[in-house]
N, C-alpha and C. Protein backbone atom coordinates (compact mmCIF):
# COMPACT_ATOMS: atom_id res chain seq x y z
N MET A 1 -28.72 5.51 -24.55
CA MET A 1 -28.66 4.04 -25.06
C MET A 1 -28.47 4.14 -23.90
N ASP A 2 -29.07 2.76 -23.81
CA ASP A 2 -28.76 1.70 -22.32
C ASP A 2 -28.44 1.13 -22.81
N ASP A 3 -27.45 -0.47 -21.84
CA ASP A 3 -25.94 -1.16 -21.95
C ASP A 3 -26.96 -2.70 -22.67
N ALA A 4 -28.11 -2.59 -22.67
CA ALA A 4 -29.02 -3.73 -23.67
C ALA A 4 -28.42 -3.28 -24.76
N GLU A 5 -28.96 -1.89 -24.99
CA GLU A 5 -28.83 -1.09 -26.71
C GLU A 5 -27.69 -1.49 -27.37
N LEU A 6 -26.67 -1.26 -26.42
CA LEU A 6 -25.07 -0.75 -26.50
C LEU A 6 -24.77 -2.47 -26.73
N PHE A 7 -25.46 -3.46 -26.45
CA PHE A 7 -24.63 -4.67 -26.93
C PHE A 7 -25.29 -5.83 -27.76
N GLU A 8 -26.03 -4.87 -28.56
CA GLU A 8 -26.42 -5.23 -29.77
C GLU A 8 -25.70 -5.22 -30.76
N ARG A 9 -25.62 -3.03 -30.40
CA ARG A 9 -24.26 -2.67 -31.55
C ARG A 9 -22.89 -3.53 -31.40
N ILE A 10 -23.01 -3.95 -30.44
CA ILE A 10 -21.54 -4.26 -30.16
C ILE A 10 -21.74 -5.93 -30.77
N ARG A 11 -22.73 -6.66 -31.05
CA ARG A 11 -22.58 -7.67 -31.33
C ARG A 11 -22.40 -8.09 -32.75
N SER A 12 -23.10 -6.83 -33.38
CA SER A 12 -23.32 -6.27 -34.97
C SER A 12 -21.52 -6.21 -35.30
N GLY A 13 -20.62 -5.58 -34.38
CA GLY A 13 -19.37 -5.51 -34.51
C GLY A 13 -19.33 -3.57 -34.46
N ASP A 14 -19.57 -3.19 -34.24
CA ASP A 14 -20.26 -1.67 -34.02
C ASP A 14 -18.75 -1.18 -32.55
N THR A 15 -17.62 -0.95 -32.61
CA THR A 15 -16.28 -0.74 -31.85
C THR A 15 -17.31 0.53 -31.22
N ASP A 16 -17.67 2.13 -31.31
CA ASP A 16 -18.27 2.97 -31.30
C ASP A 16 -19.01 2.05 -29.51
N ALA A 17 -20.13 1.87 -30.16
CA ALA A 17 -20.62 0.92 -28.45
C ALA A 17 -19.95 0.65 -28.20
N LEU A 18 -18.82 -0.06 -28.09
CA LEU A 18 -18.21 -0.84 -27.32
C LEU A 18 -17.46 0.29 -26.53
N ASN A 19 -17.22 1.14 -26.85
CA ASN A 19 -16.31 2.40 -26.28
C ASN A 19 -17.27 3.58 -25.59
N ARG A 20 -18.34 3.57 -25.96
CA ARG A 20 -19.40 4.39 -25.09
C ARG A 20 -19.54 3.61 -24.12
N LEU A 21 -19.85 2.28 -24.34
CA LEU A 21 -19.65 0.86 -22.70
C LEU A 21 -18.58 1.49 -21.68
N ILE A 22 -17.77 1.14 -22.39
CA ILE A 22 -16.45 1.35 -21.47
C ILE A 22 -16.73 2.90 -20.92
N GLU A 23 -16.39 3.43 -22.06
CA GLU A 23 -16.68 5.23 -21.06
C GLU A 23 -17.49 5.43 -20.13
N ARG A 24 -18.46 4.95 -20.36
CA ARG A 24 -19.51 5.04 -19.22
C ARG A 24 -19.69 4.18 -17.66
N HIS A 25 -18.44 3.14 -17.62
CA HIS A 25 -18.55 2.20 -16.60
C HIS A 25 -17.09 2.85 -16.10
N TYR A 26 -15.72 3.45 -16.73
CA TYR A 26 -14.34 3.29 -16.79
C TYR A 26 -13.99 4.15 -15.67
N ASP A 27 -14.74 5.62 -15.09
CA ASP A 27 -14.80 6.43 -14.16
C ASP A 27 -14.90 5.59 -12.73
N SER A 28 -16.22 4.76 -12.92
CA SER A 28 -16.79 4.37 -11.17
C SER A 28 -16.07 2.96 -10.99
N ILE A 29 -15.85 2.43 -11.84
CA ILE A 29 -15.05 1.31 -11.64
C ILE A 29 -12.83 1.75 -11.34
N ARG A 30 -12.34 2.41 -11.66
CA ARG A 30 -11.15 3.29 -10.92
C ARG A 30 -11.48 3.93 -10.08
N ARG A 31 -12.49 4.39 -9.85
CA ARG A 31 -12.85 4.79 -8.25
C ARG A 31 -13.03 3.70 -7.10
N TYR A 32 -13.60 2.68 -7.57
CA TYR A 32 -13.60 1.61 -6.87
C TYR A 32 -12.18 1.02 -6.49
N CYS A 33 -11.42 0.73 -7.72
CA CYS A 33 -10.23 0.02 -7.49
C CYS A 33 -9.07 0.86 -6.84
N TYR A 34 -9.47 2.10 -6.88
CA TYR A 34 -8.50 3.33 -5.71
C TYR A 34 -9.06 3.24 -4.26
N TRP A 35 -10.13 2.76 -4.13
CA TRP A 35 -10.90 2.54 -2.83
C TRP A 35 -9.96 1.42 -2.29
N LYS A 36 -10.33 0.20 -2.88
CA LYS A 36 -9.59 -1.27 -2.63
C LYS A 36 -8.16 -0.54 -2.49
N THR A 37 -7.69 -0.42 -3.68
CA THR A 37 -6.23 -0.55 -3.46
C THR A 37 -5.37 0.69 -2.46
N ARG A 38 -6.24 2.01 -2.59
CA ARG A 38 -5.30 3.21 -1.69
C ARG A 38 -4.08 4.09 -3.01
N ARG A 39 -3.77 3.33 -4.18
CA ARG A 39 -3.17 4.01 -5.47
C ARG A 39 -3.82 3.69 -6.52
N ALA A 40 -3.35 5.06 -6.95
CA ALA A 40 -4.02 5.68 -7.87
C ALA A 40 -2.94 4.78 -9.15
N ASP A 41 -1.82 5.01 -9.45
CA ASP A 41 -1.49 4.08 -10.41
C ASP A 41 -1.75 2.97 -10.75
N LEU A 42 -1.99 1.43 -9.32
CA LEU A 42 -2.08 0.86 -9.15
C LEU A 42 -3.79 0.63 -9.81
N ALA A 43 -4.64 1.36 -9.78
CA ALA A 43 -6.32 1.34 -9.61
C ALA A 43 -6.32 1.37 -10.92
N GLU A 44 -5.35 2.76 -11.41
CA GLU A 44 -5.57 2.58 -13.06
C GLU A 44 -4.97 1.41 -13.96
N ASP A 45 -4.12 0.62 -13.27
CA ASP A 45 -3.80 -0.66 -14.29
C ASP A 45 -4.82 -1.79 -13.84
N LEU A 46 -5.33 -1.82 -12.83
CA LEU A 46 -6.64 -2.50 -12.35
C LEU A 46 -7.72 -2.31 -12.91
N THR A 47 -8.10 -1.30 -13.45
CA THR A 47 -9.50 -0.86 -14.13
C THR A 47 -8.92 -1.51 -16.12
N GLN A 48 -7.83 -0.66 -16.38
CA GLN A 48 -7.51 -1.43 -17.66
C GLN A 48 -7.28 -2.63 -18.46
N GLU A 49 -6.92 -3.07 -16.91
CA GLU A 49 -7.14 -5.25 -16.74
C GLU A 49 -8.31 -5.45 -16.65
N THR A 50 -9.01 -4.85 -16.17
CA THR A 50 -10.28 -5.39 -15.74
C THR A 50 -11.74 -4.88 -17.01
N PHE A 51 -10.97 -4.03 -18.04
CA PHE A 51 -11.59 -3.39 -19.05
C PHE A 51 -11.38 -4.60 -20.24
N TYR A 52 -9.90 -4.77 -19.86
CA TYR A 52 -9.13 -5.63 -21.14
C TYR A 52 -9.76 -7.40 -20.87
N ARG A 53 -9.90 -8.03 -19.95
CA ARG A 53 -10.47 -9.21 -19.87
C ARG A 53 -12.25 -9.08 -19.83
N PHE A 54 -13.04 -7.84 -19.80
CA PHE A 54 -14.13 -7.85 -20.39
C PHE A 54 -14.25 -8.06 -21.66
N CYS A 55 -13.73 -6.89 -22.55
CA CYS A 55 -13.76 -7.45 -23.70
C CYS A 55 -13.12 -8.51 -24.24
N ARG A 56 -12.08 -9.38 -24.01
CA ARG A 56 -12.09 -10.54 -24.10
C ARG A 56 -12.37 -11.26 -24.04
N SER A 57 -13.75 -11.14 -22.59
CA SER A 57 -14.64 -12.56 -22.35
C SER A 57 -16.12 -12.21 -23.47
N LEU A 58 -16.16 -10.73 -23.99
CA LEU A 58 -17.35 -10.48 -25.06
C LEU A 58 -17.56 -11.77 -25.98
N PRO A 59 -17.01 -12.57 -26.92
CA PRO A 59 -17.80 -13.63 -27.67
C PRO A 59 -19.22 -14.68 -26.48
N GLY A 60 -18.08 -14.87 -25.35
CA GLY A 60 -19.18 -15.36 -24.92
C GLY A 60 -20.13 -15.20 -23.40
N TYR A 61 -19.83 -13.44 -23.85
CA TYR A 61 -21.07 -13.08 -22.73
C TYR A 61 -22.12 -12.42 -23.35
N THR A 62 -22.97 -13.31 -22.37
CA THR A 62 -24.45 -13.00 -22.86
C THR A 62 -25.64 -11.93 -21.65
N HIS A 63 -25.64 -11.06 -22.48
CA HIS A 63 -26.08 -10.01 -21.53
C HIS A 63 -27.37 -9.44 -20.61
N LYS A 64 -27.37 -10.12 -20.11
CA LYS A 64 -28.60 -10.13 -18.89
C LYS A 64 -29.13 -9.04 -18.35
N GLY A 65 -28.81 -7.72 -18.65
CA GLY A 65 -28.47 -6.95 -17.58
C GLY A 65 -27.95 -6.65 -16.48
N LYS A 66 -27.06 -7.55 -16.53
CA LYS A 66 -25.60 -7.48 -15.14
C LYS A 66 -24.63 -6.83 -15.54
N CYS A 67 -24.08 -5.82 -16.79
CA CYS A 67 -23.28 -5.55 -17.25
C CYS A 67 -22.28 -4.91 -16.11
N ARG A 68 -22.31 -3.95 -14.81
CA ARG A 68 -21.88 -2.97 -14.15
C ARG A 68 -21.61 -4.21 -13.29
N ALA A 69 -22.58 -5.14 -12.60
CA ALA A 69 -22.13 -6.25 -11.63
C ALA A 69 -20.94 -6.97 -11.93
N TYR A 70 -20.84 -7.36 -13.47
CA TYR A 70 -19.68 -8.03 -13.64
C TYR A 70 -18.34 -7.44 -13.76
N LEU A 71 -18.82 -5.87 -13.93
CA LEU A 71 -17.31 -5.32 -14.49
C LEU A 71 -16.61 -5.26 -12.59
N TYR A 72 -17.51 -4.61 -12.00
CA TYR A 72 -17.78 -5.10 -10.42
C TYR A 72 -16.49 -5.88 -9.76
N THR A 73 -17.48 -7.16 -10.59
CA THR A 73 -16.80 -8.70 -9.84
C THR A 73 -15.38 -8.14 -10.30
N VAL A 74 -15.34 -8.57 -12.11
CA VAL A 74 -13.37 -8.27 -12.11
C VAL A 74 -12.96 -7.29 -11.26
N ALA A 75 -13.15 -6.52 -11.61
CA ALA A 75 -12.18 -5.24 -10.83
C ALA A 75 -11.86 -6.27 -9.05
N ARG A 76 -13.02 -6.48 -8.42
CA ARG A 76 -13.12 -6.48 -7.17
C ARG A 76 -11.64 -7.83 -7.15
N ARG A 77 -12.03 -8.89 -7.77
CA ARG A 77 -11.39 -10.30 -7.89
C ARG A 77 -9.40 -9.47 -8.34
N LEU A 78 -8.86 -9.15 -9.49
CA LEU A 78 -8.05 -8.19 -9.40
C LEU A 78 -7.65 -7.44 -8.63
N CYS A 79 -8.70 -6.66 -7.99
CA CYS A 79 -7.98 -5.74 -6.72
C CYS A 79 -7.64 -6.86 -5.65
N GLY A 80 -8.23 -7.42 -4.85
CA GLY A 80 -7.59 -8.96 -4.05
C GLY A 80 -6.85 -9.40 -4.16
N ASP A 81 -6.10 -9.84 -6.08
CA ASP A 81 -5.40 -10.80 -6.35
C ASP A 81 -4.09 -9.18 -6.00
N ALA A 82 -3.86 -8.26 -5.92
CA ALA A 82 -2.68 -6.90 -5.91
C ALA A 82 -2.97 -7.01 -4.86
N LEU A 83 -4.06 -6.83 -4.10
CA LEU A 83 -3.90 -6.19 -2.60
C LEU A 83 -2.87 -7.94 -1.90
N ARG A 84 -3.10 -8.49 -2.38
CA ARG A 84 -2.61 -10.13 -1.62
C ARG A 84 -0.94 -10.20 -1.79
N GLU A 85 -0.58 -9.35 -3.07
CA GLU A 85 0.54 -8.93 -3.61
C GLU A 85 1.36 -7.95 -2.85
N GLN A 86 0.83 -7.28 -2.67
CA GLN A 86 1.81 -5.58 -1.90
C GLN A 86 -0.34 -5.01 -1.43
N PRO A 87 -0.06 -5.40 0.01
CA PRO A 87 -1.29 -4.22 0.44
C PRO A 87 -0.80 -2.61 0.41
N PRO A 88 -2.33 -2.06 0.30
CA PRO A 88 -2.35 -0.75 0.45
C PRO A 88 -2.14 0.10 1.59
N GLU A 89 -1.61 1.61 0.81
CA GLU A 89 -1.30 2.20 1.86
C GLU A 89 -2.00 2.50 2.73
N PRO A 90 -2.06 2.34 4.59
CA PRO A 90 -2.89 2.73 5.40
C PRO A 90 -3.66 4.36 4.89
N MET A 91 -4.99 5.24 4.54
CA MET A 91 -5.25 6.47 4.67
C MET A 91 -4.28 7.00 5.66
N GLU A 92 -4.01 6.78 6.50
CA GLU A 92 -3.49 7.75 7.58
C GLU A 92 -2.03 8.33 7.62
N GLN A 93 -1.89 6.82 6.74
CA GLN A 93 -0.57 7.24 5.73
C GLN A 93 -0.14 7.89 4.09
N VAL A 94 -1.17 7.84 3.90
CA VAL A 94 -1.19 8.90 2.81
C VAL A 94 -1.38 10.43 2.84
N PRO A 95 -0.36 10.88 2.31
CA PRO A 95 -0.01 12.80 1.99
C PRO A 95 -1.29 13.42 1.81
N GLU A 96 -1.49 13.75 2.07
CA GLU A 96 -2.50 14.80 1.52
C GLU A 96 -2.61 15.30 -0.56
N ALA A 97 -0.94 15.45 -0.78
CA ALA A 97 -0.45 15.43 -1.28
C ALA A 97 -0.24 14.54 -2.38
N LYS A 98 -0.26 13.58 -2.19
CA LYS A 98 -0.36 12.57 -3.05
C LYS A 98 -2.15 12.45 -3.74
N LEU A 99 -2.42 12.35 -2.45
CA LEU A 99 -4.13 11.73 -2.89
C LEU A 99 -4.43 13.05 -4.46
N GLY A 100 -3.79 14.51 -3.21
CA GLY A 100 -4.85 15.23 -4.56
C GLY A 100 -3.93 15.48 -6.07
N SER A 101 -2.69 14.78 -5.83
CA SER A 101 -2.41 14.92 -7.34
C SER A 101 -2.38 13.77 -8.50
N SER A 102 -3.49 12.45 -7.68
CA SER A 102 -3.73 11.61 -8.42
C SER A 102 -5.30 11.94 -8.90
N LEU A 103 -6.59 11.93 -7.74
CA LEU A 103 -7.24 11.73 -7.91
C LEU A 103 -7.68 12.85 -7.31
N SER A 104 -9.15 13.16 -7.74
CA SER A 104 -9.21 14.57 -7.13
C SER A 104 -10.34 14.02 -5.47
N ALA A 105 -11.08 14.71 -4.85
CA ALA A 105 -11.58 14.14 -3.61
C ALA A 105 -12.84 13.26 -3.78
N GLU A 106 -13.15 13.54 -4.81
CA GLU A 106 -14.94 12.71 -5.22
C GLU A 106 -14.58 11.42 -5.35
N ASP A 107 -12.75 11.39 -6.07
CA ASP A 107 -12.59 9.41 -6.46
C ASP A 107 -12.09 9.14 -4.91
N GLU A 108 -11.57 9.30 -4.34
CA GLU A 108 -10.95 8.97 -3.27
C GLU A 108 -11.90 7.85 -2.26
N ALA A 109 -13.27 7.87 -2.02
CA ALA A 109 -14.28 7.37 -1.64
C ALA A 109 -15.58 7.41 -2.52
N GLY A 110 -15.95 8.82 -3.34
CA GLY A 110 -17.12 8.51 -3.49
C GLY A 110 -17.54 9.19 -3.14
N ALA A 111 -18.80 10.61 -3.42
CA ALA A 111 -19.34 11.89 -3.16
C ALA A 111 -20.05 11.81 -1.94
N HIS A 112 -20.32 10.70 -1.67
CA HIS A 112 -21.22 10.41 -0.31
C HIS A 112 -20.28 10.74 0.64
N PHE A 113 -19.02 9.70 0.81
CA PHE A 113 -18.28 10.03 1.96
C PHE A 113 -16.86 10.86 1.89
N GLN A 114 -17.56 12.18 1.63
CA GLN A 114 -16.27 12.98 1.47
C GLN A 114 -15.72 13.56 2.92
N SER A 115 -16.80 13.72 4.30
CA SER A 115 -16.17 14.02 5.45
C SER A 115 -15.18 13.02 5.79
N LYS A 116 -13.97 13.69 6.94
CA LYS A 116 -13.41 13.25 6.89
C LYS A 116 -13.74 12.38 8.11
N GLU A 117 -15.24 12.67 9.09
CA GLU A 117 -15.73 12.31 9.91
C GLU A 117 -16.23 11.14 9.75
N LEU A 118 -16.93 10.86 8.21
CA LEU A 118 -17.47 9.99 7.93
C LEU A 118 -16.61 8.66 7.31
N GLN A 119 -15.39 9.46 6.60
CA GLN A 119 -15.00 8.03 5.77
C GLN A 119 -14.17 7.26 7.55
N ARG A 120 -13.49 8.07 8.91
CA ARG A 120 -12.73 7.45 9.31
C ARG A 120 -13.51 6.16 10.50
N VAL A 121 -15.30 6.58 10.50
CA VAL A 121 -16.40 6.02 10.71
C VAL A 121 -16.65 4.51 9.98
N LEU A 122 -16.46 5.16 8.87
CA LEU A 122 -16.18 4.16 7.14
C LEU A 122 -14.99 2.67 7.33
N ARG A 123 -13.56 3.64 8.71
CA ARG A 123 -12.90 3.02 8.03
C ARG A 123 -12.79 1.95 9.26
N GLU A 124 -13.60 2.36 10.52
CA GLU A 124 -14.38 1.24 11.47
C GLU A 124 -14.70 -0.01 11.24
N LEU A 125 -15.42 0.18 10.05
CA LEU A 125 -16.62 -0.31 9.91
C LEU A 125 -15.58 -2.06 9.19
N PRO A 126 -15.54 -3.48 9.68
CA PRO A 126 -15.18 -4.92 9.24
C PRO A 126 -15.58 -4.29 7.05
N PRO A 127 -14.28 -4.89 7.18
CA PRO A 127 -14.03 -4.31 5.50
C PRO A 127 -15.42 -5.03 4.71
N GLU A 128 -15.59 -6.34 5.16
CA GLU A 128 -17.46 -6.33 4.15
C GLU A 128 -18.60 -6.00 4.22
N LEU A 129 -19.04 -4.99 5.23
CA LEU A 129 -19.65 -3.47 5.29
C LEU A 129 -19.21 -2.85 5.05
N GLN A 130 -18.00 -2.28 5.42
CA GLN A 130 -16.86 -1.39 4.59
C GLN A 130 -17.53 -1.04 3.27
N GLU A 131 -16.82 -2.32 2.11
CA GLU A 131 -17.59 -2.61 0.93
C GLU A 131 -19.12 -2.47 0.09
N ALA A 132 -19.95 -3.08 1.15
CA ALA A 132 -21.70 -3.44 1.07
C ALA A 132 -21.84 -1.46 1.05
N VAL A 133 -21.85 -1.17 1.63
CA VAL A 133 -21.80 0.42 1.67
C VAL A 133 -21.97 1.33 0.89
N ILE A 134 -20.03 1.24 0.31
CA ILE A 134 -19.09 2.03 -0.26
C ILE A 134 -19.23 1.70 -2.17
N LEU A 135 -20.73 0.78 -1.71
CA LEU A 135 -20.95 0.31 -2.86
C LEU A 135 -22.27 0.16 -3.40
N ARG A 136 -22.90 0.50 -2.11
CA ARG A 136 -24.59 0.95 -2.13
C ARG A 136 -24.39 2.53 -2.60
N TYR A 137 -23.51 3.41 -1.70
CA TYR A 137 -23.84 4.60 -1.44
C TYR A 137 -22.84 5.28 -2.60
N SER A 138 -21.34 5.26 -2.25
CA SER A 138 -21.20 5.89 -3.64
C SER A 138 -20.77 5.72 -5.06
N TYR A 139 -21.20 3.58 -5.29
CA TYR A 139 -21.21 3.58 -6.92
C TYR A 139 -22.35 3.47 -7.14
N GLY A 140 -23.68 3.61 -6.46
CA GLY A 140 -25.11 3.37 -6.77
C GLY A 140 -25.39 1.87 -7.27
N LEU A 141 -24.63 0.85 -7.05
CA LEU A 141 -25.33 -0.31 -7.04
C LEU A 141 -26.65 -0.69 -6.01
N ARG A 142 -27.10 -1.78 -6.84
CA ARG A 142 -28.45 -1.94 -5.85
C ARG A 142 -27.86 -3.61 -5.67
N TYR A 143 -28.55 -4.12 -4.80
CA TYR A 143 -29.08 -5.08 -4.01
C TYR A 143 -27.93 -6.28 -4.79
N ARG A 144 -29.05 -6.24 -5.54
CA ARG A 144 -28.80 -7.66 -6.63
C ARG A 144 -27.23 -7.63 -7.04
N GLU A 145 -26.71 -6.25 -7.46
CA GLU A 145 -25.80 -5.96 -7.97
C GLU A 145 -24.36 -6.19 -6.88
N ILE A 146 -24.96 -5.92 -5.59
CA ILE A 146 -23.72 -5.96 -4.86
C ILE A 146 -24.36 -7.50 -4.62
N ALA A 147 -25.15 -8.37 -4.53
CA ALA A 147 -24.65 -10.18 -3.81
C ALA A 147 -23.77 -10.37 -4.70
N ALA A 148 -23.82 -10.06 -6.28
CA ALA A 148 -23.10 -10.45 -7.35
C ALA A 148 -21.35 -10.06 -7.41
N VAL A 149 -21.75 -9.30 -7.23
CA VAL A 149 -20.10 -8.68 -7.10
C VAL A 149 -19.27 -9.30 -5.94
N THR A 150 -20.00 -9.13 -4.75
CA THR A 150 -19.50 -9.96 -3.42
C THR A 150 -19.94 -10.99 -3.09
N GLY A 151 -20.31 -11.93 -3.49
CA GLY A 151 -20.85 -13.75 -4.17
C GLY A 151 -21.10 -13.84 -2.77
N VAL A 152 -22.44 -12.91 -2.40
CA VAL A 152 -23.23 -13.27 -1.63
C VAL A 152 -24.66 -13.53 -1.59
N PRO A 153 -25.94 -13.99 -1.01
CA PRO A 153 -27.01 -13.92 -1.34
C PRO A 153 -27.82 -12.67 -1.14
N LEU A 154 -28.18 -12.41 -2.53
CA LEU A 154 -29.20 -11.46 -2.17
C LEU A 154 -29.40 -10.91 -0.34
N TYR A 155 -30.06 -10.94 0.41
CA TYR A 155 -30.49 -10.91 2.11
C TYR A 155 -28.82 -10.71 2.40
N MET A 156 -27.98 -10.87 1.99
CA MET A 156 -27.18 -10.67 2.92
C MET A 156 -26.45 -9.54 2.63
N ALA A 157 -26.49 -9.13 1.07
CA ALA A 157 -25.74 -7.69 0.71
C ALA A 157 -26.81 -7.13 1.72
N ARG A 158 -27.92 -7.18 1.60
CA ARG A 158 -28.60 -5.77 2.23
C ARG A 158 -28.80 -5.47 3.26
N ILE A 159 -28.42 -6.89 4.48
CA ILE A 159 -28.17 -6.77 5.56
C ILE A 159 -26.73 -6.74 6.11
N ARG A 160 -26.18 -6.27 5.68
CA ARG A 160 -24.56 -5.82 4.91
C ARG A 160 -24.47 -4.61 4.92
N VAL A 161 -25.76 -4.13 4.52
CA VAL A 161 -25.57 -2.58 4.00
C VAL A 161 -26.73 -2.25 5.09
N GLU A 162 -27.25 -2.63 5.69
CA GLU A 162 -28.50 -2.08 6.82
C GLU A 162 -27.87 -2.20 8.08
N ARG A 163 -26.31 -3.31 8.26
CA ARG A 163 -25.60 -3.21 9.11
C ARG A 163 -24.86 -1.98 9.41
N ALA A 164 -24.11 -1.43 8.33
CA ALA A 164 -23.02 -0.95 7.91
C ALA A 164 -23.96 0.51 8.47
N LEU A 165 -25.10 1.21 8.02
CA LEU A 165 -25.41 2.46 8.22
C LEU A 165 -25.72 2.22 9.89
N THR A 166 -26.41 0.93 10.61
CA THR A 166 -26.43 1.23 11.49
C THR A 166 -25.28 1.41 12.57
N ALA A 167 -24.16 0.53 12.03
CA ALA A 167 -23.41 0.76 12.94
C ALA A 167 -22.69 2.13 12.64
N MET A 168 -22.49 3.15 12.14
CA MET A 168 -21.92 4.47 11.51
C MET A 168 -23.29 5.10 12.07
N LYS A 169 -24.11 5.21 12.49
CA LYS A 169 -24.78 6.12 12.90
C LYS A 169 -24.76 5.93 14.16
N LYS A 170 -24.74 4.59 14.80
CA LYS A 170 -24.63 4.39 16.69
C LYS A 170 -23.05 5.46 16.86
N ARG A 171 -22.05 4.77 15.76
CA ARG A 171 -20.78 5.59 15.49
C ARG A 171 -20.75 6.59 16.36
N MET A 172 -21.69 7.70 15.07
CA MET A 172 -21.62 9.25 15.53
C MET A 172 -22.53 9.93 16.25
N ARG A 173 -23.43 9.16 16.93
CA ARG A 173 -24.44 9.28 17.47
C ARG A 173 -23.06 9.71 19.05
N GLU A 174 -22.58 8.35 19.17
CA GLU A 174 -21.41 8.49 20.11
C GLU A 174 -20.45 9.24 20.27
N GLU A 175 -20.20 10.15 18.96
CA GLU A 175 -19.33 10.60 19.35
C GLU A 175 -19.73 12.07 19.44
N ASP A 176 -21.25 12.71 19.19
CA ASP A 176 -21.60 13.93 19.01
C ASP A 176 -21.81 13.51 20.55
N SER A 177 -22.23 12.58 21.78
CA SER A 177 -22.83 12.86 22.54
C SER A 177 -21.39 13.06 23.10
N ASP A 178 -20.00 12.75 23.27
CA ASP A 178 -18.71 12.78 23.72
C ASP A 178 -18.33 13.81 24.07
N GLU A 179 -18.68 14.82 22.67
CA GLU A 179 -18.26 16.06 22.14
C GLU A 179 -18.73 17.12 23.34
N HIS A 180 -20.52 16.96 23.05
CA HIS A 180 -21.27 17.44 24.33
C HIS A 180 -21.04 17.63 25.64
N GLU A 181 -20.41 16.21 26.20
CA GLU A 181 -20.35 15.63 27.41
C GLU A 181 -19.66 17.22 28.16
N PRO A 182 -18.70 17.90 28.28
CA PRO A 182 -17.80 18.52 28.85
C PRO A 182 -18.08 19.61 28.56
N GLU A 183 -19.23 19.94 27.57
CA GLU A 183 -20.34 21.07 27.84
C GLU A 183 -21.32 20.56 29.33
N ARG A 184 -21.58 19.98 28.72
CA ARG A 184 -23.15 19.31 30.35
C ARG A 184 -22.40 19.55 31.29
N ALA A 185 -21.59 18.77 31.91
CA ALA A 185 -21.11 19.15 33.07
C ALA A 185 -20.51 20.05 33.72
N ARG A 186 -19.50 20.98 32.40
CA ARG A 186 -19.38 22.81 33.57
C ARG A 186 -21.05 23.05 33.27
N GLN A 187 -21.77 22.88 32.49
CA GLN A 187 -23.26 24.44 33.12
C GLN A 187 -23.88 23.20 33.95
N ALA A 188 -23.44 22.07 34.34
CA ALA A 188 -24.52 20.89 36.03
C ALA A 188 -23.12 21.63 36.71
N ALA A 189 -22.17 21.65 37.05
CA ALA A 189 -21.09 22.23 37.59
C ALA A 189 -21.34 23.89 37.52
N ALA A 190 -21.50 24.24 37.22
CA ALA A 190 -22.22 25.96 37.58
C ALA A 190 -23.76 26.24 37.71
N GLY A 191 -24.34 25.25 37.50
CA GLY A 191 -25.63 25.50 37.87
C GLY A 191 -26.08 24.48 39.35
N SER A 192 -25.16 23.89 39.72
CA SER A 192 -25.28 23.07 40.94
C SER A 192 -24.93 23.42 41.87
N PRO A 193 -26.35 23.28 43.22
CA PRO A 193 -26.01 24.31 44.29
C PRO A 193 -25.09 23.99 45.45
N CYS A 194 -24.13 23.07 45.10
CA CYS A 194 -22.69 22.77 45.95
C CYS A 194 -21.94 23.63 44.89
N SER A 195 -22.08 24.01 43.91
CA SER A 195 -21.02 24.91 43.57
C SER A 195 -20.89 26.54 44.01
N GLU A 196 -22.11 26.77 44.45
CA GLU A 196 -22.39 28.08 45.35
C GLU A 196 -21.44 28.19 46.76
N ALA A 197 -21.19 27.37 47.09
CA ALA A 197 -20.83 27.41 48.28
C ALA A 197 -19.44 27.28 48.63
């Protein structure tokens, strides 16, 4: 059953349909809040507040196929407010044990960004590019949804994702060539005629 069908049932007073809708989106919103704040307890609170506000807005909410984008927009605003009050701990300072006990590795940044190398390269991007690529590839949002969540035109959402991917690929190629440079220099020195003299 898709979101539209659930909304029809919610409108007719079916609380089970509301619970199913919340269950469908809860984990991804929680992971997003965690990615934004880097605090599991705060992410849980913000997720609950997101769904509380969503439920409060249901009487005036008109479903147009954008429920997921609406939830991410609410979560993004709540995270922004929370971060203005208290900035997140940098990932380098968050102990591994704290991450492991509060959320699984998949929750940390999404299934597509598991490797430490990818996470590091991602953190080097400007925040708006980080968010665009995370929303696209970790949470599966379409460009139109990313545009709605971040408040930019559709073309800008697409450009941000493309720029992020280009920058990440470039950085990883640079690092790959830097890793192989000492080996190449050693091989060149071993094979050069000057080294035999």
